Amino acid sequence: MKRPYLIGLGLLLFLIGTSIPFLPVRPANAQQGTFPKKDLVQLYNGTFTSSPTSKTLKIGDSTTIIAYLTVTAASGTSPTLNVKFQDSSDNGTTWWDIAGTTFTQATGSTSQVVVATRGFAGEIQPVITIGGTSPSFTFHLELLTY
């Protein structure tokens, strides 16, 4: 019997050791809705000067999420970018932070990966907060579930 956490760790180590562009990526600006497991979905891609609207995604019975954040440019006075994921078991009425899915605050170029392994409630959403004076961030955020 294969242990999911060992498979997840092996996949994470493989991804870190390779270039993410070799993975199949769904088109930018993924819409709200259901998407298949084992697909790398690009949730956001572009330049943002304010916090974008969260997208609710139905991930079904997924037990692992891996999220990738790449910031290629930042400007403004003391710009900050905070990204975390939340889940809901009551169709989006109440949201809870998912432990292990908060990226380190970005203030400039960075590339980060977060992983969470557990049973998920069925819906998740990224929460992105941009702060500072006249901030601007160019970034992309991808999500892989299985």
Protein backbone atom coordinates (compact mmCIF):
# COMPACT_ATOMS: atom_id res chain seq x y z
CA MET A 1 0.00 0.00 0.00
CA LYS A 2 1.40 3.41 -0.98
CA ARG A 3 1.42 6.09 1.67
CA PRO A 4 0.02 9.40 0.28
CA TYR A 5 2.36 11.54 2.35
CA LEU A 6 5.40 9.75 0.92
CA ILE A 7 4.08 10.21 -2.60
CA GLY A 8 3.43 13.89 -1.86
CA LEU A 9 6.92 14.37 -0.46
CA GLY A 10 8.44 12.60 -3.46
CA LEU A 11 6.44 14.79 -5.85
CA LEU A 12 7.48 17.93 -3.98
CA LEU A 13 11.15 16.96 -4.10
CA PHE A 14 10.80 16.17 -7.81
CA LEU A 15 9.17 19.56 -8.51
CA ILE A 16 11.79 21.47 -6.56
CA GLY A 17 14.50 19.69 -8.52
CA THR A 18 12.93 20.47 -11.88
CA SER A 19 11.54 23.50 -13.60
CA ILE A 20 7.83 24.09 -13.02
CA PRO A 21 7.20 25.16 -16.65
CA PHE A 22 7.50 21.51 -17.69
CA LEU A 23 4.26 20.73 -15.83
CA PRO A 24 0.96 20.95 -17.69
CA VAL A 25 -0.55 24.27 -16.65
CA ARG A 26 -4.17 25.22 -17.17
CA PRO A 27 -4.74 28.67 -18.66
CA ALA A 28 -4.21 31.82 -16.62
CA ASN A 29 -7.13 33.34 -14.77
CA ALA A 30 -8.74 30.03 -13.79
CA GLN A 31 -12.39 30.62 -13.07
CA GLN A 32 -14.26 29.57 -9.97
CA GLY A 33 -15.46 26.02 -10.09
CA THR A 34 -14.30 22.44 -9.97
CA PHE A 35 -11.03 21.31 -11.46
CA PRO A 36 -9.50 17.83 -11.74
CA LYS A 37 -6.89 16.54 -9.34
CA LYS A 38 -3.28 16.41 -10.47
CA ASP A 39 -3.71 19.47 -12.68
CA LEU A 40 -1.51 22.47 -12.03
CA VAL A 41 -3.92 25.40 -12.23
CA GLN A 42 -2.73 28.95 -12.64
CA LEU A 43 -4.96 31.03 -10.36
CA TYR A 44 -3.44 34.47 -10.91
CA ASN A 45 -0.92 35.82 -13.41
CA GLY A 46 -0.22 39.50 -13.94
CA THR A 47 0.53 42.83 -12.31
CA PHE A 48 -1.64 43.87 -9.38
CA THR A 49 -1.82 47.21 -7.54
CA SER A 50 -4.52 46.13 -5.10
CA SER A 51 -5.73 42.87 -3.58
CA PRO A 52 -7.47 40.75 -6.24
CA THR A 53 -10.84 39.13 -5.58
CA SER A 54 -10.55 35.60 -4.17
CA LYS A 55 -11.59 32.66 -6.34
CA THR A 56 -13.48 29.79 -4.74
CA LEU A 57 -12.39 26.38 -6.02
CA LYS A 58 -14.09 23.04 -5.40
CA ILE A 59 -11.39 20.46 -4.81
CA GLY A 60 -13.58 17.55 -3.73
CA ASP A 61 -11.90 14.91 -1.63
CA SER A 62 -8.34 16.06 -2.24
CA THR A 63 -5.91 15.31 0.56
CA THR A 64 -2.89 17.33 -0.60
CA ILE A 65 -2.47 20.83 -1.96
CA ILE A 66 0.77 22.29 -3.23
CA ALA A 67 0.83 25.99 -4.05
CA TYR A 68 3.51 27.93 -5.93
CA LEU A 69 4.03 31.69 -5.70
CA THR A 70 6.49 33.48 -7.95
CA VAL A 71 6.93 37.24 -7.64
CA THR A 72 8.95 38.71 -10.48
CA ALA A 73 8.66 42.43 -9.65
CA ALA A 74 7.58 44.71 -6.82
CA SER A 75 7.48 48.49 -6.54
CA GLY A 76 6.06 51.26 -4.42
CA THR A 77 6.87 52.42 -0.92
CA SER A 78 7.14 49.48 1.49
CA PRO A 79 5.12 47.10 -0.74
CA THR A 80 3.87 43.89 0.90
CA LEU A 81 2.21 40.81 -0.56
CA ASN A 82 0.57 38.25 1.72
CA VAL A 83 -0.94 35.02 0.37
CA LYS A 84 -2.68 32.22 2.24
CA PHE A 85 -5.33 29.59 1.55
CA GLN A 86 -8.59 28.95 3.40
CA ASP A 87 -11.20 26.20 3.21
CA SER A 88 -14.93 25.97 3.86
CA SER A 89 -17.22 23.06 4.61
CA ASP A 90 -20.46 25.09 4.49
CA ASN A 91 -20.46 26.33 0.87
CA GLY A 92 -18.45 29.45 1.60
CA THR A 93 -20.36 30.83 4.58
CA THR A 94 -17.43 30.32 6.98
CA TRP A 95 -13.75 30.16 6.00
CA TRP A 96 -10.80 28.81 8.01
CA ASP A 97 -7.08 29.27 7.38
CA ILE A 98 -5.37 26.08 6.21
CA ALA A 99 -2.30 25.39 8.33
CA GLY A 100 0.90 25.32 6.30
CA THR A 101 -0.42 27.32 3.35
CA THR A 102 0.64 30.83 4.32
CA PHE A 103 3.52 32.10 2.20
CA THR A 104 6.26 34.22 3.75
CA GLN A 105 5.39 37.89 3.19
CA ALA A 106 6.87 39.10 -0.10
CA THR A 107 8.40 42.55 -0.42
CA GLY A 108 10.31 41.88 -3.64
CA SER A 109 11.12 39.08 -6.07
CA THR A 110 10.70 35.61 -4.60
CA SER A 111 9.70 32.07 -5.43
CA GLN A 112 8.02 29.94 -2.76
CA VAL A 113 6.22 26.62 -2.34
CA VAL A 114 3.78 25.60 0.42
CA VAL A 115 2.31 22.16 1.03
CA ALA A 116 -0.60 20.98 3.17
CA THR A 117 -1.67 17.37 3.58
CA ARG A 118 -4.97 16.48 5.24
CA GLY A 119 -8.59 15.96 4.31
CA PHE A 120 -10.01 19.17 2.88
CA ALA A 121 -13.55 20.44 3.30
CA GLY A 122 -14.35 20.59 -0.40
CA GLU A 123 -13.85 24.28 -1.22
CA ILE A 124 -10.73 26.40 -0.92
CA GLN A 125 -9.83 29.98 -1.76
CA PRO A 126 -6.61 31.95 -1.92
CA VAL A 127 -6.61 35.16 0.11
CA ILE A 128 -4.23 37.76 -1.32
CA THR A 129 -3.51 41.03 0.47
CA ILE A 130 -1.41 43.77 -1.10
CA GLY A 131 -0.25 46.64 1.10
CA GLY A 132 2.06 49.63 1.11
CA THR A 133 1.97 53.03 -0.58
CA SER A 134 1.30 52.78 -4.33
CA PRO A 135 2.24 49.07 -4.34
CA SER A 136 2.59 47.02 -7.50
CA PHE A 137 3.39 43.31 -7.71
CA THR A 138 3.88 41.13 -10.76
CA PHE A 139 3.30 37.55 -9.73
CA HIS A 140 1.73 34.24 -10.59
CA LEU A 141 0.11 31.75 -8.24
CA GLU A 142 -0.47 28.10 -9.14
CA LEU A 143 -2.19 25.29 -7.28
CA LEU A 144 -1.82 21.52 -7.56
CA THR A 145 -4.23 19.17 -5.74
CA TYR A 146 -4.39 15.42 -5.35
